[in-house]
């Protein structure tokens, strides 16, 4: 039953343009907010979207699918931890 709820092995990434648009939307929303905590949160979201956009750009330039790269990194960490 739990296996049905696991995320798929290969998850497609969204284009970097999507994340950059979301970052811009968060920044615009932050301009109109008067509550400091909300403004800080929106700027934090914008930074996170920028990070995702950079990752999507990097993934688009790699020959392997991003999910495959992540799996390879996890395997390498597990092998290193076993030593």
PDB file of N, CA and C in Angstrom:
ATOM      1  N   UNK A   1       0.817  -1.187   0.000  1.00  0.00           N
ATOM      2  CA  UNK A   1       0.000   0.000   0.000  1.00  0.00           C
ATOM      3  C   UNK A   1       0.869   1.264   0.000  1.00  0.00           C
ATOM      4  N   UNK A   2       1.905   1.308   0.828  1.00  0.00           N
ATOM      5  CA  UNK A   2       2.746   2.494   0.892  1.00  0.00           C
ATOM      6  C   UNK A   2       3.515   2.712  -0.393  1.00  0.00           C
ATOM      7  N   UNK A   3       3.846   1.634  -1.096  1.00  0.00           N
ATOM      8  CA  UNK A   3       4.576   1.770  -2.351  1.00  0.00           C
ATOM      9  C   UNK A   3       3.772   2.571  -3.373  1.00  0.00           C
ATOM     10  N   UNK A   4       2.454   2.469  -3.311  1.00  0.00           N
ATOM     11  CA  UNK A   4       1.623   3.226  -4.235  1.00  0.00           C
ATOM     12  C   UNK A   4       1.729   4.719  -3.982  1.00  0.00           C
ATOM     13  N   UNK A   5       2.080   5.083  -2.757  1.00  0.00           N
ATOM     14  CA  UNK A   5       2.172   6.488  -2.397  1.00  0.00           C
ATOM     15  C   UNK A   5       3.570   7.064  -2.631  1.00  0.00           C
ATOM     16  N   UNK A   6       4.547   6.205  -2.923  1.00  0.00           N
ATOM     17  CA  UNK A   6       5.900   6.684  -3.176  1.00  0.00           C
ATOM     18  C   UNK A   6       5.920   7.533  -4.441  1.00  0.00           C
ATOM     19  N   UNK A   7       6.776   8.560  -4.471  1.00  0.00           N
ATOM     20  CA  UNK A   7       6.878   9.354  -5.697  1.00  0.00           C
ATOM     21  C   UNK A   7       7.491   8.509  -6.812  1.00  0.00           C
ATOM     22  N   UNK A   8       7.176   8.798  -8.042  1.00  0.00           N
ATOM     23  CA  UNK A   8       7.757   8.036  -9.147  1.00  0.00           C
ATOM     24  C   UNK A   8       9.265   8.216  -9.197  1.00  0.00           C
ATOM     25  N   UNK A   9       9.949   7.215  -9.729  1.00  0.00           N
ATOM     26  CA  UNK A   9      11.407   7.271  -9.828  1.00  0.00           C
ATOM     27  C   UNK A   9      11.864   8.450 -10.694  1.00  0.00           C
ATOM     28  N   UNK A  10      11.233   8.620 -11.836  1.00  0.00           N
ATOM     29  CA  UNK A  10      11.600   9.687 -12.761  1.00  0.00           C
ATOM     30  C   UNK A  10      10.528  10.772 -12.699  1.00  0.00           C
ATOM     31  N   UNK A  11      10.854  11.901 -12.128  1.00  0.00           N
ATOM     32  CA  UNK A  11       9.893  12.995 -12.082  1.00  0.00           C
ATOM     33  C   UNK A  11      10.369  14.091 -13.028  1.00  0.00           C
ATOM     34  N   UNK A  12       9.526  14.518 -13.938  1.00  0.00           N
ATOM     35  CA  UNK A  12       9.952  15.560 -14.876  1.00  0.00           C
ATOM     36  C   UNK A  12      10.123  16.893 -14.153  1.00  0.00           C
ATOM     37  N   UNK A  13      11.084  17.663 -14.600  1.00  0.00           N
ATOM     38  CA  UNK A  13      11.299  18.973 -14.005  1.00  0.00           C
ATOM     39  C   UNK A  13      10.559  20.024 -14.825  1.00  0.00           C
ATOM     40  N   UNK A  14      10.189  21.076 -14.168  1.00  0.00           N
ATOM     41  CA  UNK A  14       9.550  22.184 -14.861  1.00  0.00           C
ATOM     42  C   UNK A  14      10.637  23.076 -15.451  1.00  0.00           C
ATOM     43  N   UNK A  15      10.314  23.773 -16.525  1.00  0.00           N
ATOM     44  CA  UNK A  15      11.329  24.658 -17.116  1.00  0.00           C
ATOM     45  C   UNK A  15      11.698  25.799 -16.166  1.00  0.00           C
ATOM     46  N   UNK A  16      12.909  26.265 -16.300  1.00  0.00           N
ATOM     47  CA  UNK A  16      13.411  27.338 -15.448  1.00  0.00           C
ATOM     48  C   UNK A  16      12.551  28.597 -15.565  1.00  0.00           C
ATOM     49  N   UNK A  17      11.964  28.826 -16.740  1.00  0.00           N
ATOM     50  CA  UNK A  17      11.112  30.005 -16.928  1.00  0.00           C
ATOM     51  C   UNK A  17       9.956  30.009 -15.938  1.00  0.00           C
ATOM     52  N   UNK A  18       9.394  28.838 -15.656  1.00  0.00           N
ATOM     53  CA  UNK A  18       8.277  28.727 -14.719  1.00  0.00           C
ATOM     54  C   UNK A  18       8.693  29.230 -13.338  1.00  0.00           C
ATOM     55  N   UNK A  19       9.854  28.746 -12.859  1.00  0.00           N
ATOM     56  CA  UNK A  19      10.325  29.135 -11.532  1.00  0.00           C
ATOM     57  C   UNK A  19      10.693  30.616 -11.480  1.00  0.00           C
ATOM     58  N   UNK A  20      11.266  31.143 -12.550  1.00  0.00           N
ATOM     59  CA  UNK A  20      11.612  32.562 -12.577  1.00  0.00           C
ATOM     60  C   UNK A  20      10.343  33.426 -12.562  1.00  0.00           C
ATOM     61  N   UNK A  21       9.302  32.982 -13.245  1.00  0.00           N
ATOM     62  CA  UNK A  21       8.038  33.712 -13.231  1.00  0.00           C
ATOM     63  C   UNK A  21       7.433  33.708 -11.833  1.00  0.00           C
ATOM     64  N   UNK A  22       7.493  32.547 -11.162  1.00  0.00           N
ATOM     65  CA  UNK A  22       6.970  32.454  -9.795  1.00  0.00           C
ATOM     66  C   UNK A  22       7.769  33.335  -8.840  1.00  0.00           C
ATOM     67  N   UNK A  23       9.082  33.413  -9.023  1.00  0.00           N
ATOM     68  CA  UNK A  23       9.917  34.275  -8.184  1.00  0.00           C
ATOM     69  C   UNK A  23       9.511  35.740  -8.367  1.00  0.00           C
ATOM     70  N   UNK A  24       9.282  36.126  -9.619  1.00  0.00           N
ATOM     71  CA  UNK A  24       8.871  37.499  -9.889  1.00  0.00           C
ATOM     72  C   UNK A  24       7.501  37.795  -9.271  1.00  0.00           C
ATOM     73  N   UNK A  25       6.587  36.828  -9.338  1.00  0.00           N
ATOM     74  CA  UNK A  25       5.264  37.005  -8.733  1.00  0.00           C
ATOM     75  C   UNK A  25       5.379  37.185  -7.214  1.00  0.00           C
ATOM     76  N   UNK A  26       6.237  36.400  -6.581  1.00  0.00           N
ATOM     77  CA  UNK A  26       6.419  36.502  -5.129  1.00  0.00           C
ATOM     78  C   UNK A  26       6.992  37.868  -4.762  1.00  0.00           C
ATOM     79  N   UNK A  27       7.935  38.349  -5.567  1.00  0.00           N
ATOM     80  CA  UNK A  27       8.522  39.666  -5.286  1.00  0.00           C
ATOM     81  C   UNK A  27       7.483  40.784  -5.460  1.00  0.00           C
ATOM     82  N   UNK A  28       6.662  40.670  -6.502  1.00  0.00           N
ATOM     83  CA  UNK A  28       5.605  41.677  -6.700  1.00  0.00           C
ATOM     84  C   UNK A  28       4.606  41.650  -5.551  1.00  0.00           C
ATOM     85  N   UNK A  29       4.258  40.442  -5.100  1.00  0.00           N
ATOM     86  CA  UNK A  29       3.321  40.320  -3.981  1.00  0.00           C
ATOM     87  C   UNK A  29       3.920  40.925  -2.716  1.00  0.00           C
ATOM     88  N   UNK A  30       5.221  40.752  -2.523  1.00  0.00           N
ATOM     89  CA  UNK A  30       5.890  41.286  -1.331  1.00  0.00           C
ATOM     90  C   UNK A  30       5.859  42.812  -1.316  1.00  0.00           C
ATOM     91  N   UNK A  31       5.863  43.429  -2.485  1.00  0.00           N
ATOM     92  CA  UNK A  31       5.818  44.891  -2.550  1.00  0.00           C
ATOM     93  C   UNK A  31       4.510  45.445  -1.983  1.00  0.00           C
ATOM     94  N   UNK A  32       3.429  44.695  -2.141  1.00  0.00           N
ATOM     95  CA  UNK A  32       2.135  45.185  -1.689  1.00  0.00           C
ATOM     96  C   UNK A  32       1.746  44.781  -0.282  1.00  0.00           C
ATOM     97  N   UNK A  33       2.606  44.055   0.394  1.00  0.00           N
ATOM     98  CA  UNK A  33       2.297  43.547   1.735  1.00  0.00           C
ATOM     99  C   UNK A  33       2.851  44.504   2.780  1.00  0.00           C
ATOM    100  N   UNK A  34       2.075  44.718   3.826  1.00  0.00           N
ATOM    101  CA  UNK A  34       2.546  45.607   4.896  1.00  0.00           C
ATOM    102  C   UNK A  34       3.069  44.834   6.105  1.00  0.00           C
ATOM    103  N   UNK A  35       2.692  43.578   6.235  1.00  0.00           N
ATOM    104  CA  UNK A  35       3.148  42.770   7.366  1.00  0.00           C
ATOM    105  C   UNK A  35       4.573  42.299   7.101  1.00  0.00           C
ATOM    106  N   UNK A  36       5.478  42.634   8.008  1.00  0.00           N
ATOM    107  CA  UNK A  36       6.897  42.313   7.823  1.00  0.00           C
ATOM    108  C   UNK A  36       7.142  40.814   7.680  1.00  0.00           C
ATOM    109  N   UNK A  37       6.504  40.005   8.506  1.00  0.00           N
ATOM    110  CA  UNK A  37       6.724  38.555   8.454  1.00  0.00           C
ATOM    111  C   UNK A  37       6.305  37.974   7.107  1.00  0.00           C
ATOM    112  N   UNK A  38       5.198  38.461   6.573  1.00  0.00           N
ATOM    113  CA  UNK A  38       4.729  37.974   5.273  1.00  0.00           C
ATOM    114  C   UNK A  38       5.685  38.424   4.173  1.00  0.00           C
ATOM    115  N   UNK A  39       6.153  39.656   4.275  1.00  0.00           N
ATOM    116  CA  UNK A  39       7.099  40.184   3.284  1.00  0.00           C
ATOM    117  C   UNK A  39       8.382  39.346   3.270  1.00  0.00           C
ATOM    118  N   UNK A  40       8.892  39.015   4.455  1.00  0.00           N
ATOM    119  CA  UNK A  40      10.103  38.193   4.562  1.00  0.00           C
ATOM    120  C   UNK A  40       9.860  36.810   3.974  1.00  0.00           C
ATOM    121  N   UNK A  41       8.693  36.240   4.267  1.00  0.00           N
ATOM    122  CA  UNK A  41       8.353  34.914   3.741  1.00  0.00           C
ATOM    123  C   UNK A  41       8.269  34.924   2.218  1.00  0.00           C
ATOM    124  N   UNK A  42       7.666  35.951   1.650  1.00  0.00           N
ATOM    125  CA  UNK A  42       7.555  36.041   0.197  1.00  0.00           C
ATOM    126  C   UNK A  42       8.924  36.213  -0.461  1.00  0.00           C
ATOM    127  N   UNK A  43       9.791  37.002   0.165  1.00  0.00           N
ATOM    128  CA  UNK A  43      11.145  37.139  -0.380  1.00  0.00           C
ATOM    129  C   UNK A  43      11.902  35.813  -0.278  1.00  0.00           C
ATOM    130  N   UNK A  44      11.669  35.082   0.805  1.00  0.00           N
ATOM    131  CA  UNK A  44      12.277  33.754   0.935  1.00  0.00           C
ATOM    132  C   UNK A  44      11.784  32.803  -0.143  1.00  0.00           C
ATOM    133  N   UNK A  45      10.493  32.851  -0.438  1.00  0.00           N
ATOM    134  CA  UNK A  45       9.944  32.021  -1.519  1.00  0.00           C
ATOM    135  C   UNK A  45      10.555  32.401  -2.861  1.00  0.00           C
ATOM    136  N   UNK A  46      10.717  33.693  -3.081  1.00  0.00           N
ATOM    137  CA  UNK A  46      11.321  34.145  -4.331  1.00  0.00           C
ATOM    138  C   UNK A  46      12.745  33.592  -4.468  1.00  0.00           C
ATOM    139  N   UNK A  47      13.495  33.613  -3.388  1.00  0.00           N
ATOM    140  CA  UNK A  47      14.865  33.055  -3.421  1.00  0.00           C
ATOM    141  C   UNK A  47      14.841  31.563  -3.698  1.00  0.00           C
ATOM    142  N   UNK A  48      13.888  30.864  -3.106  1.00  0.00           N
ATOM    143  CA  UNK A  48      13.771  29.420  -3.337  1.00  0.00           C
ATOM    144  C   UNK A  48      13.404  29.129  -4.795  1.00  0.00           C
ATOM    145  N   UNK A  49      12.502  29.927  -5.355  1.00  0.00           N
ATOM    146  CA  UNK A  49      12.157  29.760  -6.768  1.00  0.00           C
ATOM    147  C   UNK A  49      13.361  30.045  -7.665  1.00  0.00           C
ATOM    148  N   UNK A  50      14.167  31.033  -7.298  1.00  0.00           N
ATOM    149  CA  UNK A  50      15.388  31.313  -8.055  1.00  0.00           C
ATOM    150  C   UNK A  50      16.337  30.116  -8.007  1.00  0.00           C
ATOM    151  N   UNK A  51      16.450  29.507  -6.823  1.00  0.00           N
ATOM    152  CA  UNK A  51      17.319  28.329  -6.679  1.00  0.00           C
ATOM    153  C   UNK A  51      16.810  27.183  -7.552  1.00  0.00           C
ATOM    154  N   UNK A  52      15.492  26.987  -7.561  1.00  0.00           N
ATOM    155  CA  UNK A  52      14.907  25.935  -8.395  1.00  0.00           C
ATOM    156  C   UNK A  52      15.125  26.220  -9.880  1.00  0.00           C
ATOM    157  N   UNK A  53      15.040  27.480 -10.266  1.00  0.00           N
ATOM    158  CA  UNK A  53      15.287  27.848 -11.660  1.00  0.00           C
ATOM    159  C   UNK A  53      16.731  27.536 -12.044  1.00  0.00           C
ATOM    160  N   UNK A  54      17.661  27.863 -11.158  1.00  0.00           N
ATOM    161  CA  UNK A  54      19.069  27.548 -11.424  1.00  0.00           C
ATOM    162  C   UNK A  54      19.273  26.043 -11.544  1.00  0.00           C
ATOM    163  N   UNK A  55      18.619  25.291 -10.673  1.00  0.00           N
ATOM    164  CA  UNK A  55      18.738  23.827 -10.731  1.00  0.00           C
ATOM    165  C   UNK A  55      18.130  23.288 -12.019  1.00  0.00           C
ATOM    166  N   UNK A  56      17.013  23.860 -12.459  1.00  0.00           N
ATOM    167  CA  UNK A  56      16.391  23.419 -13.710  1.00  0.00           C
ATOM    168  C   UNK A  56      17.296  23.724 -14.892  1.00  0.00           C
ATOM    169  N   UNK A  57      17.958  24.887 -14.858  1.00  0.00           N
ATOM    170  CA  UNK A  57      18.917  25.215 -15.916  1.00  0.00           C
ATOM    171  C   UNK A  57      20.063  24.216 -15.938  1.00  0.00           C
ATOM    172  N   UNK A  58      20.580  23.884 -14.766  1.00  0.00           N
ATOM    173  CA  UNK A  58      21.684  22.921 -14.673  1.00  0.00           C
ATOM    174  C   UNK A  58      21.243  21.543 -15.150  1.00  0.00           C
ATOM    175  N   UNK A  59      20.037  21.161 -14.766  1.00  0.00           N
ATOM    176  CA  UNK A  59      19.527  19.843 -15.165  1.00  0.00           C
ATOM    177  C   UNK A  59      19.334  19.764 -16.665  1.00  0.00           C
ATOM    178  N   UNK A  60      18.939  20.861 -17.277  1.00  0.00           N
ATOM    179  CA  UNK A  60      18.729  20.868 -18.725  1.00  0.00           C
ATOM    180  C   UNK A  60      20.046  20.708 -19.474  1.00  0.00           C
ATOM    181  N   UNK A  61      21.143  21.064 -18.833  1.00  0.00           N
ATOM    182  CA  UNK A  61      22.448  20.980 -19.472  1.00  0.00           C
ATOM    183  C   UNK A  61      23.139  19.643 -19.239  1.00  0.00           C
ATOM    184  N   UNK A  62      22.614  18.821 -18.322  1.00  0.00           N
ATOM    185  CA  UNK A  62      23.225  17.519 -18.059  1.00  0.00           C
ATOM    186  C   UNK A  62      22.604  16.474 -18.968  1.00  0.00           C
ATOM    187  N   UNK A  63      23.379  15.483 -19.385  1.00  0.00           N
ATOM    188  CA  UNK A  63      22.839  14.460 -20.270  1.00  0.00           C
ATOM    189  C   UNK A  63      21.857  13.519 -19.565  1.00  0.00           C
ATOM    190  N   UNK A  64      22.015  13.319 -18.248  1.00  0.00           N
ATOM    191  CA  UNK A  64      21.133  12.426 -17.508  1.00  0.00           C
ATOM    192  C   UNK A  64      19.916  13.195 -17.026  1.00  0.00           C
ATOM    193  N   UNK A  65      18.842  12.472 -16.818  1.00  0.00           N
ATOM    194  CA  UNK A  65      17.648  13.085 -16.245  1.00  0.00           C
ATOM    195  C   UNK A  65      17.955  13.526 -14.820  1.00  0.00           C
ATOM    196  N   UNK A  66      17.360  14.604 -14.346  1.00  0.00           N
ATOM    197  CA  UNK A  66      17.643  15.088 -12.988  1.00  0.00           C
ATOM    198  C   UNK A  66      17.400  14.036 -11.912  1.00  0.00           C
ATOM    199  N   UNK A  67      16.345  13.261 -12.049  1.00  0.00           N
ATOM    200  CA  UNK A  67      16.071  12.229 -11.053  1.00  0.00           C
ATOM    201  C   UNK A  67      17.204  11.206 -11.029  1.00  0.00           C
ATOM    202  N   UNK A  68      17.747  10.903 -12.193  1.00  0.00           N
ATOM    203  CA  UNK A  68      18.865   9.964 -12.263  1.00  0.00           C
ATOM    204  C   UNK A  68      20.106  10.517 -11.585  1.00  0.00           C
ATOM    205  N   UNK A  69      20.350  11.791 -11.760  1.00  0.00           N
ATOM    206  CA  UNK A  69      21.501  12.439 -11.126  1.00  0.00           C
ATOM    207  C   UNK A  69      21.342  12.398  -9.611  1.00  0.00           C
ATOM    208  N   UNK A  70      20.151  12.697  -9.132  1.00  0.00           N
ATOM    209  CA  UNK A  70      19.894  12.672  -7.690  1.00  0.00           C
ATOM    210  C   UNK A  70      20.092  11.263  -7.144  1.00  0.00           C
ATOM    211  N   UNK A  71      19.582  10.254  -7.866  1.00  0.00           N
ATOM    212  CA  UNK A  71      19.757   8.870  -7.416  1.00  0.00           C
ATOM    213  C   UNK A  71      21.238   8.501  -7.354  1.00  0.00           C
ATOM    214  N   UNK A  72      22.008   8.925  -8.348  1.00  0.00           N
ATOM    215  CA  UNK A  72      23.441   8.633  -8.347  1.00  0.00           C
ATOM    216  C   UNK A  72      24.130   9.280  -7.156  1.00  0.00           C
ATOM    217  N   UNK A  73      23.751  10.504  -6.829  1.00  0.00           N
ATOM    218  CA  UNK A  73      24.342  11.192  -5.687  1.00  0.00           C
ATOM    219  C   UNK A  73      24.000  10.479  -4.386  1.00  0.00           C
ATOM    220  N   UNK A  74      22.755  10.009  -4.254  1.00  0.00           N
ATOM    221  CA  UNK A  74      22.352   9.290  -3.043  1.00  0.00           C
ATOM    222  C   UNK A  74      23.131   7.986  -2.907  1.00  0.00           C
ATOM    223  N   UNK A  75      23.287   7.274  -4.024  1.00  0.00           N
ATOM    224  CA  UNK A  75      24.060   6.017  -3.980  1.00  0.00           C
ATOM    225  C   UNK A  75      25.499   6.279  -3.566  1.00  0.00           C
ATOM    226  N   UNK A  76      26.091   7.332  -4.110  1.00  0.00           N
ATOM    227  CA  UNK A  76      27.474   7.654  -3.756  1.00  0.00           C
ATOM    228  C   UNK A  76      27.601   7.995  -2.282  1.00  0.00           C
ATOM    229  N   UNK A  77      26.625   8.718  -1.735  1.00  0.00           N
ATOM    230  CA  UNK A  77      26.650   9.037  -0.307  1.00  0.00           C
ATOM    231  C   UNK A  77      26.503   7.778   0.546  1.00  0.00           C
ATOM    232  N   UNK A  78      25.634   6.863   0.142  1.00  0.00           N
ATOM    233  CA  UNK A  78      25.465   5.615   0.893  1.00  0.00           C
ATOM    234  C   UNK A  78      26.750   4.798   0.866  1.00  0.00           C
ATOM    235  N   UNK A  79      27.394   4.728  -0.308  1.00  0.00           N
ATOM    236  CA  UNK A  79      28.659   3.970  -0.394  1.00  0.00           C
ATOM    237  C   UNK A  79      29.722   4.609   0.492  1.00  0.00           C
ATOM    238  N   UNK A  80      29.772   5.936   0.496  1.00  0.00           N
ATOM    239  CA  UNK A  80      30.762   6.628   1.317  1.00  0.00           C
ATOM    240  C   UNK A  80      30.497   6.399   2.802  1.00  0.00           C
ATOM    241  N   UNK A  81      29.212   6.396   3.199  1.00  0.00           N
ATOM    242  CA  UNK A  81      28.864   6.197   4.608  1.00  0.00           C
ATOM    243  C   UNK A  81      29.162   4.783   5.087  1.00  0.00           C
ATOM    244  N   UNK A  82      29.131   3.826   4.171  1.00  0.00           N
ATOM    245  CA  UNK A  82      29.416   2.429   4.552  1.00  0.00           C
ATOM    246  C   UNK A  82      30.880   2.219   4.874  1.00  0.00           C
ATOM    247  N   UNK A  83      31.728   3.071   4.340  1.00  0.00           N
ATOM    248  CA  UNK A  83      33.185   2.881   4.545  1.00  0.00           C
ATOM    249  C   UNK A  83      33.609   3.261   5.902  1.00  0.00           C
TER     250      UNK A  83
END
